[in-house]
Amino acid sequence: LLAIVRAFEEWRPELAGVPDAVEVLTDHRGLEFFRTKRNLNRRQARWAEFLEEFDFRIQYRPGKQGTKPDSLTRRTGDLLDSVTDD
């Protein structure tokens, strides 16, 4: 959820005036129900209040289907092992 909040903070000017709902894809099924959850702690309530400014929907997509975005979260050291300086 924090990643969604931070992304919306960063992209706020661009997302504020979009005519269609923004689709947020996540591999965390529980986030699909965040907007309907009633028992929020103070931090979640603050985030929910901020996110009310935007027209978006959260859609679950299993992690196996998100291989390209998932590769962005890998440590760069793991990728550099295959690179050689010739």
PDB file of N, CA and C in Angstrom:
ATOM      1  N   LEU A   1       0.826  -1.195   0.000  1.00  0.00           N
ATOM      2  CA  LEU A   1       0.000   0.000   0.000  1.00  0.00           C
ATOM      3  C   LEU A   1       0.867   1.254   0.000  1.00  0.00           C
ATOM      4  N   LEU A   2       1.949   1.207   0.744  1.00  0.00           N
ATOM      5  CA  LEU A   2       2.846   2.360   0.778  1.00  0.00           C
ATOM      6  C   LEU A   2       3.398   2.667  -0.610  1.00  0.00           C
ATOM      7  N   ALA A   3       3.699   1.639  -1.384  1.00  0.00           N
ATOM      8  CA  ALA A   3       4.202   1.858  -2.746  1.00  0.00           C
ATOM      9  C   ALA A   3       3.166   2.571  -3.606  1.00  0.00           C
ATOM     10  N   ILE A   4       1.901   2.235  -3.439  1.00  0.00           N
ATOM     11  CA  ILE A   4       0.835   2.898  -4.194  1.00  0.00           C
ATOM     12  C   ILE A   4       0.729   4.356  -3.776  1.00  0.00           C
ATOM     13  N   VAL A   5       0.760   4.599  -2.477  1.00  0.00           N
ATOM     14  CA  VAL A   5       0.677   5.974  -1.972  1.00  0.00           C
ATOM     15  C   VAL A   5       1.848   6.796  -2.490  1.00  0.00           C
ATOM     16  N   ARG A   6       3.056   6.254  -2.398  1.00  0.00           N
ATOM     17  CA  ARG A   6       4.243   6.990  -2.866  1.00  0.00           C
ATOM     18  C   ARG A   6       4.179   7.261  -4.369  1.00  0.00           C
ATOM     19  N   ALA A   7       3.711   6.288  -5.137  1.00  0.00           N
ATOM     20  CA  ALA A   7       3.590   6.476  -6.588  1.00  0.00           C
ATOM     21  C   ALA A   7       2.579   7.570  -6.902  1.00  0.00           C
ATOM     22  N   PHE A   8       1.465   7.579  -6.200  1.00  0.00           N
ATOM     23  CA  PHE A   8       0.452   8.606  -6.437  1.00  0.00           C
ATOM     24  C   PHE A   8       0.942   9.978  -5.977  1.00  0.00           C
ATOM     25  N   GLU A   9       1.749  10.028  -4.919  1.00  0.00           N
ATOM     26  CA  GLU A   9       2.342  11.302  -4.500  1.00  0.00           C
ATOM     27  C   GLU A   9       3.281  11.824  -5.585  1.00  0.00           C
ATOM     28  N   GLU A  10       4.112  10.938  -6.110  1.00  0.00           N
ATOM     29  CA  GLU A  10       5.094  11.324  -7.131  1.00  0.00           C
ATOM     30  C   GLU A  10       4.421  11.748  -8.435  1.00  0.00           C
ATOM     31  N   TRP A  11       3.381  11.047  -8.832  1.00  0.00           N
ATOM     32  CA  TRP A  11       2.716  11.284 -10.113  1.00  0.00           C
ATOM     33  C   TRP A  11       1.434  12.105  -9.961  1.00  0.00           C
ATOM     34  N   ARG A  12       1.257  12.733  -8.836  1.00  0.00           N
ATOM     35  CA  ARG A  12       0.023  13.472  -8.543  1.00  0.00           C
ATOM     36  C   ARG A  12      -0.404  14.430  -9.654  1.00  0.00           C
ATOM     37  N   PRO A  13       0.469  15.288 -10.160  1.00  0.00           N
ATOM     38  CA  PRO A  13       0.035  16.221 -11.219  1.00  0.00           C
ATOM     39  C   PRO A  13      -0.472  15.510 -12.470  1.00  0.00           C
ATOM     40  N   GLU A  14       0.171  14.414 -12.822  1.00  0.00           N
ATOM     41  CA  GLU A  14      -0.225  13.689 -14.019  1.00  0.00           C
ATOM     42  C   GLU A  14      -1.504  12.883 -13.813  1.00  0.00           C
ATOM     43  N   LEU A  15      -1.705  12.360 -12.612  1.00  0.00           N
ATOM     44  CA  LEU A  15      -2.850  11.496 -12.342  1.00  0.00           C
ATOM     45  C   LEU A  15      -4.113  12.260 -11.962  1.00  0.00           C
ATOM     46  N   ALA A  16      -3.961  13.488 -11.520  1.00  0.00           N
ATOM     47  CA  ALA A  16      -5.106  14.244 -11.003  1.00  0.00           C
ATOM     48  C   ALA A  16      -6.175  14.491 -12.054  1.00  0.00           C
ATOM     49  N   GLY A  17      -5.802  14.703 -13.289  1.00  0.00           N
ATOM     50  CA  GLY A  17      -6.790  15.072 -14.283  1.00  0.00           C
ATOM     51  C   GLY A  17      -7.109  14.022 -15.322  1.00  0.00           C
ATOM     52  N   VAL A  18      -6.773  12.776 -15.061  1.00  0.00           N
ATOM     53  CA  VAL A  18      -7.041  11.750 -16.070  1.00  0.00           C
ATOM     54  C   VAL A  18      -8.540  11.461 -16.146  1.00  0.00           C
ATOM     55  N   PRO A  19      -9.066  11.293 -17.371  1.00  0.00           N
ATOM     56  CA  PRO A  19     -10.510  11.083 -17.522  1.00  0.00           C
ATOM     57  C   PRO A  19     -10.985   9.683 -17.106  1.00  0.00           C
ATOM     58  N   ASP A  20     -10.128   8.687 -17.225  1.00  0.00           N
ATOM     59  CA  ASP A  20     -10.504   7.310 -16.885  1.00  0.00           C
ATOM     60  C   ASP A  20      -9.826   6.882 -15.590  1.00  0.00           C
ATOM     61  N   ALA A  21     -10.360   5.850 -14.986  1.00  0.00           N
ATOM     62  CA  ALA A  21      -9.773   5.325 -13.754  1.00  0.00           C
ATOM     63  C   ALA A  21      -8.387   4.752 -14.036  1.00  0.00           C
ATOM     64  N   VAL A  22      -7.465   5.012 -13.137  1.00  0.00           N
ATOM     65  CA  VAL A  22      -6.114   4.468 -13.224  1.00  0.00           C
ATOM     66  C   VAL A  22      -6.169   3.037 -12.692  1.00  0.00           C
ATOM     67  N   GLU A  23      -5.569   2.122 -13.414  1.00  0.00           N
ATOM     68  CA  GLU A  23      -5.555   0.724 -13.000  1.00  0.00           C
ATOM     69  C   GLU A  23      -4.235   0.429 -12.300  1.00  0.00           C
ATOM     70  N   VAL A  24      -4.311   0.037 -11.041  1.00  0.00           N
ATOM     71  CA  VAL A  24      -3.138  -0.306 -10.249  1.00  0.00           C
ATOM     72  C   VAL A  24      -3.071  -1.826 -10.170  1.00  0.00           C
ATOM     73  N   LEU A  25      -2.004  -2.398 -10.706  1.00  0.00           N
ATOM     74  CA  LEU A  25      -1.821  -3.850 -10.675  1.00  0.00           C
ATOM     75  C   LEU A  25      -0.947  -4.222  -9.487  1.00  0.00           C
ATOM     76  N   THR A  26      -1.344  -5.236  -8.752  1.00  0.00           N
ATOM     77  CA  THR A  26      -0.583  -5.672  -7.592  1.00  0.00           C
ATOM     78  C   THR A  26      -0.613  -7.188  -7.476  1.00  0.00           C
ATOM     79  N   ASP A  27       0.430  -7.742  -6.877  1.00  0.00           N
ATOM     80  CA  ASP A  27       0.440  -9.179  -6.619  1.00  0.00           C
ATOM     81  C   ASP A  27       0.036  -9.470  -5.172  1.00  0.00           C
ATOM     82  N   HIS A  28      -0.546  -8.481  -4.506  1.00  0.00           N
ATOM     83  CA  HIS A  28      -1.019  -8.621  -3.125  1.00  0.00           C
ATOM     84  C   HIS A  28      -2.546  -8.573  -3.132  1.00  0.00           C
ATOM     85  N   ARG A  29      -3.170  -9.735  -3.057  1.00  0.00           N
ATOM     86  CA  ARG A  29      -4.626  -9.832  -3.198  1.00  0.00           C
ATOM     87  C   ARG A  29      -5.372  -8.984  -2.161  1.00  0.00           C
ATOM     88  N   GLY A  30      -4.846  -8.864  -0.980  1.00  0.00           N
ATOM     89  CA  GLY A  30      -5.520  -8.116   0.076  1.00  0.00           C
ATOM     90  C   GLY A  30      -5.745  -6.647  -0.260  1.00  0.00           C
ATOM     91  N   LEU A  31      -4.919  -6.083  -1.121  1.00  0.00           N
ATOM     92  CA  LEU A  31      -5.074  -4.667  -1.470  1.00  0.00           C
ATOM     93  C   LEU A  31      -6.323  -4.396  -2.295  1.00  0.00           C
ATOM     94  N   GLU A  32      -6.860  -5.418  -2.942  1.00  0.00           N
ATOM     95  CA  GLU A  32      -8.092  -5.233  -3.709  1.00  0.00           C
ATOM     96  C   GLU A  32      -9.230  -4.746  -2.810  1.00  0.00           C
ATOM     97  N   PHE A  33      -9.181  -5.118  -1.550  1.00  0.00           N
ATOM     98  CA  PHE A  33     -10.268  -4.820  -0.622  1.00  0.00           C
ATOM     99  C   PHE A  33      -9.953  -3.650   0.306  1.00  0.00           C
ATOM    100  N   PHE A  34      -8.838  -2.983   0.077  1.00  0.00           N
ATOM    101  CA  PHE A  34      -8.433  -1.888   0.957  1.00  0.00           C
ATOM    102  C   PHE A  34      -9.487  -0.789   1.028  1.00  0.00           C
ATOM    103  N   ARG A  35     -10.077  -0.442  -0.082  1.00  0.00           N
ATOM    104  CA  ARG A  35     -11.029   0.669  -0.115  1.00  0.00           C
ATOM    105  C   ARG A  35     -12.349   0.330   0.568  1.00  0.00           C
ATOM    106  N   THR A  36     -12.631  -0.934   0.766  1.00  0.00           N
ATOM    107  CA  THR A  36     -13.881  -1.320   1.425  1.00  0.00           C
ATOM    108  C   THR A  36     -13.671  -1.704   2.882  1.00  0.00           C
ATOM    109  N   LYS A  37     -12.435  -1.780   3.315  1.00  0.00           N
ATOM    110  CA  LYS A  37     -12.112  -2.153   4.689  1.00  0.00           C
ATOM    111  C   LYS A  37     -12.545  -1.041   5.637  1.00  0.00           C
ATOM    112  N   ARG A  38     -13.135  -1.401   6.737  1.00  0.00           N
ATOM    113  CA  ARG A  38     -13.650  -0.408   7.685  1.00  0.00           C
ATOM    114  C   ARG A  38     -12.719  -0.160   8.868  1.00  0.00           C
ATOM    115  N   ASN A  39     -11.974  -1.138   9.289  1.00  0.00           N
ATOM    116  CA  ASN A  39     -11.108  -0.984  10.457  1.00  0.00           C
ATOM    117  C   ASN A  39      -9.692  -0.651  10.015  1.00  0.00           C
ATOM    118  N   LEU A  40      -9.414   0.633   9.877  1.00  0.00           N
ATOM    119  CA  LEU A  40      -8.092   1.083   9.454  1.00  0.00           C
ATOM    120  C   LEU A  40      -7.371   1.692  10.641  1.00  0.00           C
ATOM    121  N   ASN A  41      -6.063   1.494  10.694  1.00  0.00           N
ATOM    122  CA  ASN A  41      -5.306   2.205  11.715  1.00  0.00           C
ATOM    123  C   ASN A  41      -5.117   3.654  11.249  1.00  0.00           C
ATOM    124  N   ARG A  42      -4.504   4.477  12.069  1.00  0.00           N
ATOM    125  CA  ARG A  42      -4.400   5.908  11.725  1.00  0.00           C
ATOM    126  C   ARG A  42      -3.616   6.143  10.444  1.00  0.00           C
ATOM    127  N   ARG A  43      -2.547   5.413  10.269  1.00  0.00           N
ATOM    128  CA  ARG A  43      -1.731   5.583   9.063  1.00  0.00           C
ATOM    129  C   ARG A  43      -2.521   5.189   7.817  1.00  0.00           C
ATOM    130  N   GLN A  44      -3.190   4.050   7.860  1.00  0.00           N
ATOM    131  CA  GLN A  44      -3.998   3.606   6.723  1.00  0.00           C
ATOM    132  C   GLN A  44      -5.134   4.589   6.443  1.00  0.00           C
ATOM    133  N   ALA A  45      -5.732   5.125   7.491  1.00  0.00           N
ATOM    134  CA  ALA A  45      -6.813   6.103   7.313  1.00  0.00           C
ATOM    135  C   ALA A  45      -6.286   7.357   6.621  1.00  0.00           C
ATOM    136  N   ARG A  46      -5.095   7.786   6.999  1.00  0.00           N
ATOM    137  CA  ARG A  46      -4.476   8.961   6.362  1.00  0.00           C
ATOM    138  C   ARG A  46      -4.192   8.680   4.891  1.00  0.00           C
ATOM    139  N   TRP A  47      -3.676   7.501   4.598  1.00  0.00           N
ATOM    140  CA  TRP A  47      -3.415   7.122   3.207  1.00  0.00           C
ATOM    141  C   TRP A  47      -4.714   7.032   2.415  1.00  0.00           C
ATOM    142  N   ALA A  48      -5.745   6.440   3.027  1.00  0.00           N
ATOM    143  CA  ALA A  48      -7.043   6.312   2.350  1.00  0.00           C
ATOM    144  C   ALA A  48      -7.616   7.688   2.032  1.00  0.00           C
ATOM    145  N   GLU A  49      -7.467   8.621   2.954  1.00  0.00           N
ATOM    146  CA  GLU A  49      -7.952   9.984   2.720  1.00  0.00           C
ATOM    147  C   GLU A  49      -7.206  10.631   1.553  1.00  0.00           C
ATOM    148  N   PHE A  50      -5.899  10.446   1.496  1.00  0.00           N
ATOM    149  CA  PHE A  50      -5.111  10.980   0.387  1.00  0.00           C
ATOM    150  C   PHE A  50      -5.534  10.351  -0.936  1.00  0.00           C
ATOM    151  N   LEU A  51      -5.720   9.039  -0.952  1.00  0.00           N
ATOM    152  CA  LEU A  51      -6.045   8.325  -2.188  1.00  0.00           C
ATOM    153  C   LEU A  51      -7.453   8.628  -2.700  1.00  0.00           C
ATOM    154  N   GLU A  52      -8.312   9.183  -1.849  1.00  0.00           N
ATOM    155  CA  GLU A  52      -9.666   9.540  -2.281  1.00  0.00           C
ATOM    156  C   GLU A  52      -9.662  10.603  -3.374  1.00  0.00           C
ATOM    157  N   GLU A  53      -8.567  11.338  -3.490  1.00  0.00           N
ATOM    158  CA  GLU A  53      -8.453  12.373  -4.528  1.00  0.00           C
ATOM    159  C   GLU A  53      -8.429  11.779  -5.937  1.00  0.00           C
ATOM    160  N   PHE A  54      -8.090  10.510  -6.041  1.00  0.00           N
ATOM    161  CA  PHE A  54      -7.834   9.897  -7.338  1.00  0.00           C
ATOM    162  C   PHE A  54      -8.908   8.881  -7.706  1.00  0.00           C
ATOM    163  N   ASP A  55      -9.133   8.768  -9.012  1.00  0.00           N
ATOM    164  CA  ASP A  55     -10.036   7.755  -9.544  1.00  0.00           C
ATOM    165  C   ASP A  55      -9.167   6.575  -9.977  1.00  0.00           C
ATOM    166  N   PHE A  56      -9.182   5.505  -9.202  1.00  0.00           N
ATOM    167  CA  PHE A  56      -8.353   4.346  -9.520  1.00  0.00           C
ATOM    168  C   PHE A  56      -9.022   3.074  -9.021  1.00  0.00           C
ATOM    169  N   ARG A  57      -8.562   1.965  -9.561  1.00  0.00           N
ATOM    170  CA  ARG A  57      -9.012   0.666  -9.065  1.00  0.00           C
ATOM    171  C   ARG A  57      -7.784  -0.225  -8.919  1.00  0.00           C
ATOM    172  N   ILE A  58      -7.805  -1.022  -7.884  1.00  0.00           N
ATOM    173  CA  ILE A  58      -6.711  -1.942  -7.609  1.00  0.00           C
ATOM    174  C   ILE A  58      -7.113  -3.310  -8.129  1.00  0.00           C
ATOM    175  N   GLN A  59      -6.257  -3.880  -8.969  1.00  0.00           N
ATOM    176  CA  GLN A  59      -6.543  -5.183  -9.565  1.00  0.00           C
ATOM    177  C   GLN A  59      -5.424  -6.153  -9.213  1.00  0.00           C
ATOM    178  N   TYR A  60      -5.809  -7.303  -8.711  1.00  0.00           N
ATOM    179  CA  TYR A  60      -4.846  -8.346  -8.370  1.00  0.00           C
ATOM    180  C   TYR A  60      -4.369  -9.060  -9.630  1.00  0.00           C
ATOM    181  N   ARG A  61      -3.070  -9.259  -9.701  1.00  0.00           N
ATOM    182  CA  ARG A  61      -2.474 -10.071 -10.764  1.00  0.00           C
ATOM    183  C   ARG A  61      -1.396 -10.923 -10.102  1.00  0.00           C
ATOM    184  N   PRO A  62      -1.493 -12.245 -10.209  1.00  0.00           N
ATOM    185  CA  PRO A  62      -0.512 -13.121  -9.553  1.00  0.00           C
ATOM    186  C   PRO A  62       0.922 -12.760  -9.937  1.00  0.00           C
ATOM    187  N   GLY A  63       1.831 -12.930  -8.994  1.00  0.00           N
ATOM    188  CA  GLY A  63       3.226 -12.587  -9.218  1.00  0.00           C
ATOM    189  C   GLY A  63       3.857 -13.273 -10.409  1.00  0.00           C
ATOM    190  N   LYS A  64       3.421 -14.465 -10.720  1.00  0.00           N
ATOM    191  CA  LYS A  64       3.985 -15.195 -11.861  1.00  0.00           C
ATOM    192  C   LYS A  64       3.677 -14.506 -13.180  1.00  0.00           C
ATOM    193  N   GLN A  65       2.624 -13.715 -13.214  1.00  0.00           N
ATOM    194  CA  GLN A  65       2.257 -13.006 -14.439  1.00  0.00           C
ATOM    195  C   GLN A  65       2.968 -11.660 -14.552  1.00  0.00           C
ATOM    196  N   GLY A  66       3.674 -11.244 -13.521  1.00  0.00           N
ATOM    197  CA  GLY A  66       4.340  -9.949 -13.531  1.00  0.00           C
ATOM    198  C   GLY A  66       5.840 -10.058 -13.589  1.00  0.00           C
ATOM    199  N   THR A  67       6.364 -10.834 -14.511  1.00  0.00           N
ATOM    200  CA  THR A  67       7.806 -11.085 -14.537  1.00  0.00           C
ATOM    201  C   THR A  67       8.622  -9.847 -14.862  1.00  0.00           C
ATOM    202  N   LYS A  68       8.161  -8.999 -15.762  1.00  0.00           N
ATOM    203  CA  LYS A  68       8.949  -7.812 -16.107  1.00  0.00           C
ATOM    204  C   LYS A  68       9.026  -6.826 -14.944  1.00  0.00           C
ATOM    205  N   PRO A  69       7.914  -6.433 -14.325  1.00  0.00           N
ATOM    206  CA  PRO A  69       8.024  -5.542 -13.175  1.00  0.00           C
ATOM    207  C   PRO A  69       8.779  -6.192 -12.025  1.00  0.00           C
ATOM    208  N   ASP A  70       8.610  -7.503 -11.853  1.00  0.00           N
ATOM    209  CA  ASP A  70       9.281  -8.189 -10.772  1.00  0.00           C
ATOM    210  C   ASP A  70      10.790  -8.125 -10.938  1.00  0.00           C
ATOM    211  N   SER A  71      11.276  -8.138 -12.168  1.00  0.00           N
ATOM    212  CA  SER A  71      12.722  -8.083 -12.392  1.00  0.00           C
ATOM    213  C   SER A  71      13.298  -6.739 -11.963  1.00  0.00           C
ATOM    214  N   LEU A  72      12.479  -5.707 -11.920  1.00  0.00           N
ATOM    215  CA  LEU A  72      12.953  -4.395 -11.482  1.00  0.00           C
ATOM    216  C   LEU A  72      13.228  -4.359  -9.985  1.00  0.00           C
ATOM    217  N   THR A  73      12.658  -5.294  -9.237  1.00  0.00           N
ATOM    218  CA  THR A  73      12.849  -5.309  -7.797  1.00  0.00           C
ATOM    219  C   THR A  73      14.023  -6.179  -7.370  1.00  0.00           C
ATOM    220  N   ARG A  74      14.674  -6.808  -8.291  1.00  0.00           N
ATOM    221  CA  ARG A  74      15.812  -7.667  -7.962  1.00  0.00           C
ATOM    222  C   ARG A  74      17.046  -6.818  -7.697  1.00  0.00           C
ATOM    223  N   ARG A  75      17.928  -7.345  -6.877  1.00  0.00           N
ATOM    224  CA  ARG A  75      19.163  -6.633  -6.577  1.00  0.00           C
ATOM    225  C   ARG A  75      20.040  -6.560  -7.814  1.00  0.00           C
ATOM    226  N   THR A  76      20.659  -5.414  -8.031  1.00  0.00           N
ATOM    227  CA  THR A  76      21.499  -5.251  -9.214  1.00  0.00           C
ATOM    228  C   THR A  76      22.728  -6.151  -9.156  1.00  0.00           C
ATOM    229  N   GLY A  77      23.206  -6.488  -7.981  1.00  0.00           N
ATOM    230  CA  GLY A  77      24.353  -7.373  -7.851  1.00  0.00           C
ATOM    231  C   GLY A  77      24.105  -8.733  -8.464  1.00  0.00           C
ATOM    232  N   ASP A  78      22.861  -9.180  -8.397  1.00  0.00           N
ATOM    233  CA  ASP A  78      22.512 -10.465  -8.997  1.00  0.00           C
ATOM    234  C   ASP A  78      22.622 -10.412 -10.512  1.00  0.00           C
ATOM    235  N   LEU A  79      22.356  -9.258 -11.084  1.00  0.00           N
ATOM    236  CA  LEU A  79      22.391  -9.111 -12.530  1.00  0.00           C
ATOM    237  C   LEU A  79      23.806  -8.920 -13.054  1.00  0.00           C
ATOM    238  N   LEU A  80      24.678  -8.323 -12.263  1.00  0.00           N
ATOM    239  CA  LEU A  80      26.020  -7.998 -12.721  1.00  0.00           C
ATOM    240  C   LEU A  80      26.943  -9.209 -12.789  1.00  0.00           C
ATOM    241  N   ASP A  81      26.560 -10.313 -12.199  1.00  0.00           N
ATOM    242  CA  ASP A  81      27.403 -11.508 -12.242  1.00  0.00           C
ATOM    243  C   ASP A  81      27.613 -12.007 -13.664  1.00  0.00           C
ATOM    244  N   SER A  82      26.649 -11.755 -14.536  1.00  0.00           N
ATOM    245  CA  SER A  82      26.758 -12.262 -15.901  1.00  0.00           C
ATOM    246  C   SER A  82      27.485 -11.290 -16.826  1.00  0.00           C
ATOM    247  N   VAL A  83      27.812 -10.096 -16.367  1.00  0.00           N
ATOM    248  CA  VAL A  83      28.479  -9.094 -17.195  1.00  0.00           C
ATOM    249  C   VAL A  83      29.982  -9.187 -16.964  1.00  0.00           C
ATOM    250  N   THR A  84      30.746  -9.207 -18.046  1.00  0.00           N
ATOM    251  CA  THR A  84      32.203  -9.252 -17.922  1.00  0.00           C
ATOM    252  C   THR A  84      32.809  -8.035 -18.594  1.00  0.00           C
ATOM    253  N   ASP A  85      33.954  -7.614 -18.112  1.00  0.00           N
ATOM    254  CA  ASP A  85      34.683  -6.493 -18.711  1.00  0.00           C
ATOM    255  C   ASP A  85      35.742  -7.052 -19.650  1.00  0.00           C
ATOM    256  N   ASP A  86      35.475  -7.002 -20.928  1.00  0.00           N
ATOM    257  CA  ASP A  86      36.445  -7.491 -21.917  1.00  0.00           C
ATOM    258  C   ASP A  86      37.069  -6.356 -22.680  1.00  0.00           C
TER     259      ASP A  86
END
